[in-house]
PDB file of N, CA and C in Angstrom:
ATOM      1  N   MET A   1       0.859  -1.173   0.000  1.00  0.00           N
ATOM      2  CA  MET A   1       0.000   0.000   0.000  1.00  0.00           C
ATOM      3  C   MET A   1       0.895   1.222   0.000  1.00  0.00           C
ATOM      4  N   ARG A   2       0.762   2.021  -1.029  1.00  0.00           N
ATOM      5  CA  ARG A   2       1.565   3.244  -1.118  1.00  0.00           C
ATOM      6  C   ARG A   2       0.744   4.488  -0.808  1.00  0.00           C
ATOM      7  N   LEU A   3      -0.582   4.404  -1.040  1.00  0.00           N
ATOM      8  CA  LEU A   3      -1.453   5.549  -0.787  1.00  0.00           C
ATOM      9  C   LEU A   3      -2.867   5.037  -0.622  1.00  0.00           C
ATOM     10  N   PHE A   4      -3.561   5.560   0.373  1.00  0.00           N
ATOM     11  CA  PHE A   4      -4.968   5.215   0.601  1.00  0.00           C
ATOM     12  C   PHE A   4      -5.679   6.506   0.962  1.00  0.00           C
ATOM     13  N   LEU A   5      -6.706   6.866   0.194  1.00  0.00           N
ATOM     14  CA  LEU A   5      -7.406   8.128   0.389  1.00  0.00           C
ATOM     15  C   LEU A   5      -8.907   7.856   0.384  1.00  0.00           C
ATOM     16  N   VAL A   6      -9.575   8.287   1.442  1.00  0.00           N
ATOM     17  CA  VAL A   6     -11.010   8.071   1.592  1.00  0.00           C
ATOM     18  C   VAL A   6     -11.761   9.331   1.193  1.00  0.00           C
ATOM     19  N   MET A   7     -12.700   9.175   0.276  1.00  0.00           N
ATOM     20  CA  MET A   7     -13.598  10.250  -0.141  1.00  0.00           C
ATOM     21  C   MET A   7     -14.970   9.965   0.477  1.00  0.00           C
ATOM     22  N   PRO A   8     -15.902  10.919   0.430  1.00  0.00           N
ATOM     23  CA  PRO A   8     -17.219  10.676   1.028  1.00  0.00           C
ATOM     24  C   PRO A   8     -17.961   9.462   0.446  1.00  0.00           C
ATOM     25  N   ASP A   9     -17.740   9.151  -0.824  1.00  0.00           N
ATOM     26  CA  ASP A   9     -18.498   8.047  -1.425  1.00  0.00           C
ATOM     27  C   ASP A   9     -17.639   7.002  -2.136  1.00  0.00           C
ATOM     28  N   HIS A  10     -16.330   7.073  -1.974  1.00  0.00           N
ATOM     29  CA  HIS A  10     -15.447   6.078  -2.579  1.00  0.00           C
ATOM     30  C   HIS A  10     -14.050   6.200  -1.977  1.00  0.00           C
ATOM     31  N   VAL A  11     -13.182   5.272  -2.350  1.00  0.00           N
ATOM     32  CA  VAL A  11     -11.793   5.320  -1.899  1.00  0.00           C
ATOM     33  C   VAL A  11     -10.869   5.227  -3.105  1.00  0.00           C
ATOM     34  N   HIS A  12      -9.665   5.746  -2.930  1.00  0.00           N
ATOM     35  CA  HIS A  12      -8.589   5.607  -3.914  1.00  0.00           C
ATOM     36  C   HIS A  12      -7.438   4.907  -3.208  1.00  0.00           C
ATOM     37  N   ALA A  13      -6.746   4.048  -3.931  1.00  0.00           N
ATOM     38  CA  ALA A  13      -5.586   3.380  -3.350  1.00  0.00           C
ATOM     39  C   ALA A  13      -4.558   3.103  -4.431  1.00  0.00           C
ATOM     40  N   LEU A  14      -3.305   3.283  -4.075  1.00  0.00           N
ATOM     41  CA  LEU A  14      -2.204   2.855  -4.928  1.00  0.00           C
ATOM     42  C   LEU A  14      -1.587   1.655  -4.219  1.00  0.00           C
ATOM     43  N   VAL A  15      -1.770   0.487  -4.796  1.00  0.00           N
ATOM     44  CA  VAL A  15      -1.327  -0.752  -4.162  1.00  0.00           C
ATOM     45  C   VAL A  15      -0.571  -1.614  -5.164  1.00  0.00           C
ATOM     46  N   ALA A  16       0.216  -2.502  -4.628  1.00  0.00           N
ATOM     47  CA  ALA A  16       0.889  -3.511  -5.441  1.00  0.00           C
ATOM     48  C   ALA A  16       0.562  -4.867  -4.842  1.00  0.00           C
ATOM     49  N   VAL A  17       0.357  -5.841  -5.703  1.00  0.00           N
ATOM     50  CA  VAL A  17       0.113  -7.203  -5.240  1.00  0.00           C
ATOM     51  C   VAL A  17       1.175  -8.109  -5.855  1.00  0.00           C
ATOM     52  N   PRO A  18       1.519  -9.186  -5.168  1.00  0.00           N
ATOM     53  CA  PRO A  18       2.496 -10.119  -5.738  1.00  0.00           C
ATOM     54  C   PRO A  18       2.024 -10.659  -7.084  1.00  0.00           C
ATOM     55  N   ALA A  19       2.958 -11.016  -7.929  1.00  0.00           N
ATOM     56  CA  ALA A  19       2.634 -11.487  -9.277  1.00  0.00           C
ATOM     57  C   ALA A  19       1.745 -12.723  -9.271  1.00  0.00           C
ATOM     58  N   ASP A  20       1.825 -13.520  -8.217  1.00  0.00           N
ATOM     59  CA  ASP A  20       1.032 -14.745  -8.173  1.00  0.00           C
ATOM     60  C   ASP A  20      -0.359 -14.541  -7.566  1.00  0.00           C
ATOM     61  N   ARG A  21      -0.740 -13.302  -7.283  1.00  0.00           N
ATOM     62  CA  ARG A  21      -2.058 -12.993  -6.705  1.00  0.00           C
ATOM     63  C   ARG A  21      -2.835 -12.122  -7.669  1.00  0.00           C
ATOM     64  N   GLU A  22      -4.143 -12.291  -7.697  1.00  0.00           N
ATOM     65  CA  GLU A  22      -5.021 -11.471  -8.538  1.00  0.00           C
ATOM     66  C   GLU A  22      -5.495 -10.265  -7.738  1.00  0.00           C
ATOM     67  N   LEU A  23      -5.423  -9.092  -8.334  1.00  0.00           N
ATOM     68  CA  LEU A  23      -5.882  -7.880  -7.662  1.00  0.00           C
ATOM     69  C   LEU A  23      -7.348  -8.002  -7.270  1.00  0.00           C
ATOM     70  N   SER A  24      -8.173  -8.552  -8.143  1.00  0.00           N
ATOM     71  CA  SER A  24      -9.604  -8.678  -7.840  1.00  0.00           C
ATOM     72  C   SER A  24      -9.833  -9.529  -6.588  1.00  0.00           C
ATOM     73  N   SER A  25      -9.054 -10.581  -6.402  1.00  0.00           N
ATOM     74  CA  SER A  25      -9.180 -11.417  -5.200  1.00  0.00           C
ATOM     75  C   SER A  25      -8.771 -10.648  -3.956  1.00  0.00           C
ATOM     76  N   GLU A  26      -7.691  -9.885  -4.060  1.00  0.00           N
ATOM     77  CA  GLU A  26      -7.220  -9.098  -2.918  1.00  0.00           C
ATOM     78  C   GLU A  26      -8.243  -8.026  -2.533  1.00  0.00           C
ATOM     79  N   ILE A  27      -8.829  -7.368  -3.519  1.00  0.00           N
ATOM     80  CA  ILE A  27      -9.854  -6.345  -3.243  1.00  0.00           C
ATOM     81  C   ILE A  27     -11.080  -6.990  -2.608  1.00  0.00           C
ATOM     82  N   SER A  28     -11.479  -8.147  -3.101  1.00  0.00           N
ATOM     83  CA  SER A  28     -12.616  -8.862  -2.538  1.00  0.00           C
ATOM     84  C   SER A  28     -12.377  -9.221  -1.068  1.00  0.00           C
ATOM     85  N   LEU A  29     -11.187  -9.721  -0.767  1.00  0.00           N
ATOM     86  CA  LEU A  29     -10.850 -10.048   0.624  1.00  0.00           C
ATOM     87  C   LEU A  29     -10.872  -8.805   1.503  1.00  0.00           C
ATOM     88  N   TRP A  30     -10.338  -7.707   0.997  1.00  0.00           N
ATOM     89  CA  TRP A  30     -10.309  -6.464   1.761  1.00  0.00           C
ATOM     90  C   TRP A  30     -11.720  -5.946   2.005  1.00  0.00           C
ATOM     91  N   LYS A  31     -12.565  -6.005   0.978  1.00  0.00           N
ATOM     92  CA  LYS A  31     -13.949  -5.558   1.148  1.00  0.00           C
ATOM     93  C   LYS A  31     -14.669  -6.408   2.191  1.00  0.00           C
ATOM     94  N   ARG A  32     -14.481  -7.722   2.141  1.00  0.00           N
ATOM     95  CA  ARG A  32     -15.107  -8.608   3.129  1.00  0.00           C
ATOM     96  C   ARG A  32     -14.652  -8.253   4.543  1.00  0.00           C
ATOM     97  N   PHE A  33     -13.368  -8.002   4.707  1.00  0.00           N
ATOM     98  CA  PHE A  33     -12.829  -7.621   6.007  1.00  0.00           C
ATOM     99  C   PHE A  33     -13.468  -6.328   6.510  1.00  0.00           C
ATOM    100  N   THR A  34     -13.554  -5.307   5.646  1.00  0.00           N
ATOM    101  CA  THR A  34     -14.110  -4.025   6.089  1.00  0.00           C
ATOM    102  C   THR A  34     -15.612  -4.104   6.356  1.00  0.00           C
ATOM    103  N   VAL A  35     -16.314  -4.985   5.665  1.00  0.00           N
ATOM    104  CA  VAL A  35     -17.737  -5.194   5.946  1.00  0.00           C
ATOM    105  C   VAL A  35     -17.893  -5.736   7.371  1.00  0.00           C
ATOM    106  N   LYS A  36     -17.085  -6.738   7.706  1.00  0.00           N
ATOM    107  CA  LYS A  36     -17.181  -7.349   9.034  1.00  0.00           C
ATOM    108  C   LYS A  36     -16.723  -6.400  10.137  1.00  0.00           C
ATOM    109  N   ARG A  37     -15.638  -5.652   9.892  1.00  0.00           N
ATOM    110  CA  ARG A  37     -15.080  -4.785  10.923  1.00  0.00           C
ATOM    111  C   ARG A  37     -15.790  -3.449  11.055  1.00  0.00           C
ATOM    112  N   ALA A  38     -16.225  -2.869   9.931  1.00  0.00           N
ATOM    113  CA  ALA A  38     -16.769  -1.508   9.971  1.00  0.00           C
ATOM    114  C   ALA A  38     -18.206  -1.402   9.458  1.00  0.00           C
ATOM    115  N   GLY A  39     -18.757  -2.501   8.981  1.00  0.00           N
ATOM    116  CA  GLY A  39     -20.141  -2.476   8.505  1.00  0.00           C
ATOM    117  C   GLY A  39     -20.337  -1.670   7.230  1.00  0.00           C
ATOM    118  N   ILE A  40     -19.291  -1.531   6.443  1.00  0.00           N
ATOM    119  CA  ILE A  40     -19.374  -0.759   5.208  1.00  0.00           C
ATOM    120  C   ILE A  40     -20.140  -1.559   4.160  1.00  0.00           C
ATOM    121  N   ALA A  41     -21.041  -0.905   3.459  1.00  0.00           N
ATOM    122  CA  ALA A  41     -21.798  -1.543   2.377  1.00  0.00           C
ATOM    123  C   ALA A  41     -21.173  -1.122   1.051  1.00  0.00           C
ATOM    124  N   TRP A  42     -20.363  -2.009   0.481  1.00  0.00           N
ATOM    125  CA  TRP A  42     -19.667  -1.708  -0.769  1.00  0.00           C
ATOM    126  C   TRP A  42     -20.534  -2.022  -1.973  1.00  0.00           C
ATOM    127  N   GLN A  43     -20.367  -1.245  -3.023  1.00  0.00           N
ATOM    128  CA  GLN A  43     -20.984  -1.621  -4.289  1.00  0.00           C
ATOM    129  C   GLN A  43     -20.172  -2.752  -4.894  1.00  0.00           C
ATOM    130  N   ASP A  44     -20.778  -3.486  -5.819  1.00  0.00           N
ATOM    131  CA  ASP A  44     -20.057  -4.559  -6.488  1.00  0.00           C
ATOM    132  C   ASP A  44     -18.999  -3.982  -7.413  1.00  0.00           C
ATOM    133  N   GLY A  45     -17.917  -4.709  -7.546  1.00  0.00           N
ATOM    134  CA  GLY A  45     -16.874  -4.333  -8.487  1.00  0.00           C
ATOM    135  C   GLY A  45     -15.998  -3.194  -8.004  1.00  0.00           C
ATOM    136  N   PHE A  46     -15.061  -2.818  -8.860  1.00  0.00           N
ATOM    137  CA  PHE A  46     -14.157  -1.706  -8.604  1.00  0.00           C
ATOM    138  C   PHE A  46     -13.504  -1.322  -9.924  1.00  0.00           C
ATOM    139  N   PHE A  47     -12.895  -0.153  -9.953  1.00  0.00           N
ATOM    140  CA  PHE A  47     -12.186   0.307 -11.144  1.00  0.00           C
ATOM    141  C   PHE A  47     -10.700   0.223 -10.855  1.00  0.00           C
ATOM    142  N   GLU A  48      -9.972  -0.342 -11.771  1.00  0.00           N
ATOM    143  CA  GLU A  48      -8.531  -0.415 -11.587  1.00  0.00           C
ATOM    144  C   GLU A  48      -7.810   0.191 -12.782  1.00  0.00           C
ATOM    145  N   HIS A  49      -6.682   0.760 -12.493  1.00  0.00           N
ATOM    146  CA  HIS A  49      -5.768   1.216 -13.543  1.00  0.00           C
ATOM    147  C   HIS A  49      -4.427   0.608 -13.215  1.00  0.00           C
ATOM    148  N   ARG A  50      -3.981  -0.290 -14.041  1.00  0.00           N
ATOM    149  CA  ARG A  50      -2.684  -0.924 -13.805  1.00  0.00           C
ATOM    150  C   ARG A  50      -1.585  -0.016 -14.332  1.00  0.00           C
ATOM    151  N   MET A  51      -0.641   0.271 -13.471  1.00  0.00           N
ATOM    152  CA  MET A  51       0.492   1.093 -13.894  1.00  0.00           C
ATOM    153  C   MET A  51       1.438   0.221 -14.690  1.00  0.00           C
ATOM    154  N   ARG A  52       1.757   0.669 -15.849  1.00  0.00           N
ATOM    155  CA  ARG A  52       2.656  -0.059 -16.731  1.00  0.00           C
ATOM    156  C   ARG A  52       4.069   0.497 -16.597  1.00  0.00           C
ATOM    157  N   ALA A  53       5.009  -0.245 -17.114  1.00  0.00           N
ATOM    158  CA  ALA A  53       6.395   0.221 -17.111  1.00  0.00           C
ATOM    159  C   ALA A  53       6.460   1.579 -17.798  1.00  0.00           C
ATOM    160  N   GLY A  54       7.168   2.490 -17.209  1.00  0.00           N
ATOM    161  CA  GLY A  54       7.320   3.816 -17.789  1.00  0.00           C
ATOM    162  C   GLY A  54       6.344   4.841 -17.238  1.00  0.00           C
ATOM    163  N   GLU A  55       5.231   4.392 -16.647  1.00  0.00           N
ATOM    164  CA  GLU A  55       4.311   5.355 -16.045  1.00  0.00           C
ATOM    165  C   GLU A  55       4.947   5.891 -14.778  1.00  0.00           C
ATOM    166  N   GLN A  56       4.720   7.129 -14.514  1.00  0.00           N
ATOM    167  CA  GLN A  56       5.349   7.760 -13.363  1.00  0.00           C
ATOM    168  C   GLN A  56       4.451   7.680 -12.137  1.00  0.00           C
ATOM    169  N   PHE A  57       4.992   7.095 -11.087  1.00  0.00           N
ATOM    170  CA  PHE A  57       4.259   6.967  -9.844  1.00  0.00           C
ATOM    171  C   PHE A  57       3.788   8.322  -9.324  1.00  0.00           C
ATOM    172  N   ASP A  58       4.661   9.338  -9.422  1.00  0.00           N
ATOM    173  CA  ASP A  58       4.300  10.633  -8.848  1.00  0.00           C
ATOM    174  C   ASP A  58       3.098  11.259  -9.540  1.00  0.00           C
ATOM    175  N   LEU A  59       2.893  11.024 -10.833  1.00  0.00           N
ATOM    176  CA  LEU A  59       1.708  11.544 -11.517  1.00  0.00           C
ATOM    177  C   LEU A  59       0.433  10.900 -10.989  1.00  0.00           C
ATOM    178  N   LYS A  60       0.448   9.601 -10.805  1.00  0.00           N
ATOM    179  CA  LYS A  60      -0.724   8.892 -10.264  1.00  0.00           C
ATOM    180  C   LYS A  60      -0.956   9.290  -8.811  1.00  0.00           C
ATOM    181  N   TYR A  61       0.125   9.409  -8.061  1.00  0.00           N
ATOM    182  CA  TYR A  61       0.014   9.824  -6.671  1.00  0.00           C
ATOM    183  C   TYR A  61      -0.646  11.200  -6.579  1.00  0.00           C
ATOM    184  N   ARG A  62      -0.162  12.140  -7.370  1.00  0.00           N
ATOM    185  CA  ARG A  62      -0.726  13.496  -7.355  1.00  0.00           C
ATOM    186  C   ARG A  62      -2.197  13.499  -7.768  1.00  0.00           C
ATOM    187  N   TYR A  63      -2.552  12.703  -8.764  1.00  0.00           N
ATOM    188  CA  TYR A  63      -3.947  12.633  -9.213  1.00  0.00           C
ATOM    189  C   TYR A  63      -4.854  12.200  -8.053  1.00  0.00           C
ATOM    190  N   VAL A  64      -4.458  11.142  -7.363  1.00  0.00           N
ATOM    191  CA  VAL A  64      -5.266  10.651  -6.249  1.00  0.00           C
ATOM    192  C   VAL A  64      -5.277  11.668  -5.116  1.00  0.00           C
ATOM    193  N   ARG A  65      -4.109  12.186  -4.770  1.00  0.00           N
ATOM    194  CA  ARG A  65      -3.986  13.117  -3.644  1.00  0.00           C
ATOM    195  C   ARG A  65      -4.779  14.395  -3.866  1.00  0.00           C
ATOM    196  N   GLU A  66      -4.913  14.840  -5.118  1.00  0.00           N
ATOM    197  CA  GLU A  66      -5.627  16.077  -5.429  1.00  0.00           C
ATOM    198  C   GLU A  66      -7.127  15.862  -5.646  1.00  0.00           C
ATOM    199  N   ASN A  67      -7.604  14.633  -5.564  1.00  0.00           N
ATOM    200  CA  ASN A  67      -9.015  14.349  -5.787  1.00  0.00           C
ATOM    201  C   ASN A  67      -9.945  15.144  -4.867  1.00  0.00           C
ATOM    202  N   PRO A  68      -9.673  15.245  -3.559  1.00  0.00           N
ATOM    203  CA  PRO A  68     -10.554  16.046  -2.699  1.00  0.00           C
ATOM    204  C   PRO A  68     -10.583  17.525  -3.093  1.00  0.00           C
ATOM    205  N   MET A  69      -9.480  18.031  -3.585  1.00  0.00           N
ATOM    206  CA  MET A  69      -9.411  19.424  -4.020  1.00  0.00           C
ATOM    207  C   MET A  69     -10.268  19.610  -5.283  1.00  0.00           C
ATOM    208  N   ARG A  70     -10.127  18.698  -6.245  1.00  0.00           N
ATOM    209  CA  ARG A  70     -10.925  18.791  -7.471  1.00  0.00           C
ATOM    210  C   ARG A  70     -12.418  18.661  -7.180  1.00  0.00           C
ATOM    211  N   ALA A  71     -12.754  17.911  -6.119  1.00  0.00           N
ATOM    212  CA  ALA A  71     -14.158  17.741  -5.732  1.00  0.00           C
ATOM    213  C   ALA A  71     -14.684  18.932  -4.932  1.00  0.00           C
ATOM    214  N   GLY A  72     -13.826  19.909  -4.643  1.00  0.00           N
ATOM    215  CA  GLY A  72     -14.247  21.096  -3.909  1.00  0.00           C
ATOM    216  C   GLY A  72     -14.379  20.887  -2.406  1.00  0.00           C
ATOM    217  N   LEU A  73     -13.752  19.835  -1.885  1.00  0.00           N
ATOM    218  CA  LEU A  73     -13.849  19.540  -0.454  1.00  0.00           C
ATOM    219  C   LEU A  73     -12.802  20.273   0.374  1.00  0.00           C
ATOM    220  N   VAL A  74     -11.695  20.628  -0.240  1.00  0.00           N
ATOM    221  CA  VAL A  74     -10.631  21.394   0.421  1.00  0.00           C
ATOM    222  C   VAL A  74     -10.021  22.353  -0.602  1.00  0.00           C
ATOM    223  N   LYS A  75      -9.336  23.376  -0.106  1.00  0.00           N
ATOM    224  CA  LYS A  75      -8.692  24.331  -1.007  1.00  0.00           C
ATOM    225  C   LYS A  75      -7.333  23.828  -1.489  1.00  0.00           C
ATOM    226  N   GLN A  76      -6.638  23.059  -0.639  1.00  0.00           N
ATOM    227  CA  GLN A  76      -5.336  22.506  -1.001  1.00  0.00           C
ATOM    228  C   GLN A  76      -5.342  21.020  -0.684  1.00  0.00           C
ATOM    229  N   ALA A  77      -4.708  20.242  -1.534  1.00  0.00           N
ATOM    230  CA  ALA A  77      -4.743  18.780  -1.391  1.00  0.00           C
ATOM    231  C   ALA A  77      -4.271  18.311  -0.023  1.00  0.00           C
ATOM    232  N   PHE A  78      -3.215  18.919   0.513  1.00  0.00           N
ATOM    233  CA  PHE A  78      -2.682  18.447   1.788  1.00  0.00           C
ATOM    234  C   PHE A  78      -3.571  18.776   2.984  1.00  0.00           C
ATOM    235  N   ASP A  79      -4.666  19.527   2.768  1.00  0.00           N
ATOM    236  CA  ASP A  79      -5.618  19.812   3.835  1.00  0.00           C
ATOM    237  C   ASP A  79      -6.582  18.651   4.089  1.00  0.00           C
ATOM    238  N   TRP A  80      -6.661  17.694   3.164  1.00  0.00           N
ATOM    239  CA  TRP A  80      -7.582  16.570   3.312  1.00  0.00           C
ATOM    240  C   TRP A  80      -7.038  15.601   4.381  1.00  0.00           C
ATOM    241  N   PRO A  81      -7.819  15.353   5.459  1.00  0.00           N
ATOM    242  CA  PRO A  81      -7.287  14.543   6.561  1.00  0.00           C
ATOM    243  C   PRO A  81      -7.399  13.030   6.364  1.00  0.00           C
ATOM    244  N   TRP A  82      -8.222  12.579   5.437  1.00  0.00           N
ATOM    245  CA  TRP A  82      -8.516  11.148   5.323  1.00  0.00           C
ATOM    246  C   TRP A  82      -7.606  10.479   4.295  1.00  0.00           C
ATOM    247  N   VAL A  83      -6.313  10.522   4.600  1.00  0.00           N
ATOM    248  CA  VAL A  83      -5.315   9.962   3.692  1.00  0.00           C
ATOM    249  C   VAL A  83      -4.222   9.273   4.509  1.00  0.00           C
ATOM    250  N   TRP A  84      -3.719   8.188   3.962  1.00  0.00           N
ATOM    251  CA  TRP A  84      -2.603   7.465   4.564  1.00  0.00           C
ATOM    252  C   TRP A  84      -1.588   7.212   3.466  1.00  0.00           C
ATOM    253  N   ALA A  85      -0.373   7.665   3.663  1.00  0.00           N
ATOM    254  CA  ALA A  85       0.666   7.532   2.640  1.00  0.00           C
ATOM    255  C   ALA A  85       2.017   7.285   3.308  1.00  0.00           C
ATOM    256  N   PRO A  86       2.304   6.035   3.646  1.00  0.00           N
ATOM    257  CA  PRO A  86       3.589   5.751   4.284  1.00  0.00           C
ATOM    258  C   PRO A  86       4.732   5.807   3.281  1.00  0.00           C
ATOM    259  N   ASP A  87       5.855   6.243   3.737  1.00  0.00           N
ATOM    260  CA  ASP A  87       7.085   6.177   2.933  1.00  0.00           C
ATOM    261  C   ASP A  87       7.013   6.919   1.599  1.00  0.00           C
ATOM    262  N   VAL A  88       6.173   7.931   1.495  1.00  0.00           N
ATOM    263  CA  VAL A  88       6.112   8.727   0.269  1.00  0.00           C
ATOM    264  C   VAL A  88       7.014   9.928   0.458  1.00  0.00           C
ATOM    265  N   PRO A  89       7.906  10.188  -0.477  1.00  0.00           N
ATOM    266  CA  PRO A  89       8.805  11.342  -0.331  1.00  0.00           C
ATOM    267  C   PRO A  89       8.045  12.638  -0.106  1.00  0.00           C
ATOM    268  N   VAL A  90       8.569  13.484   0.742  1.00  0.00           N
ATOM    269  CA  VAL A  90       7.920  14.743   1.092  1.00  0.00           C
ATOM    270  C   VAL A  90       7.665  15.609  -0.138  1.00  0.00           C
ATOM    271  N   TYR A  91       8.546  15.574  -1.123  1.00  0.00           N
ATOM    272  CA  TYR A  91       8.368  16.445  -2.283  1.00  0.00           C
ATOM    273  C   TYR A  91       7.074  16.156  -3.035  1.00  0.00           C
ATOM    274  N   LEU A  92       6.493  14.971  -2.842  1.00  0.00           N
ATOM    275  CA  LEU A  92       5.222  14.667  -3.498  1.00  0.00           C
ATOM    276  C   LEU A  92       4.055  15.256  -2.748  1.00  0.00           C
ATOM    277  N   GLU A  93       4.229  15.553  -1.489  1.00  0.00           N
ATOM    278  CA  GLU A  93       3.154  16.154  -0.709  1.00  0.00           C
ATOM    279  C   GLU A  93       2.997  17.569  -1.169  1.00  0.00           C
TER     280      GLU A  93
END
């Protein structure tokens, strides 16, 4: 998990899964866990964008991080409190 950002009606995450695991299975397991622990009612399915070789992590990171700002929830991206981003270089903040 490189970035996890909660919006009022959805979440964004930048994650990596081992090559021998399917992302859809991992998301399904995570959704089941959060249903049991937090009572969240998830919609079926999810949208994924697989980062390919050559895509820049910082562009995707910025897109996700700025989502609350684009939605008009905060004036600056770093003002959004519902984000978790371990080990991300400060220059991306």
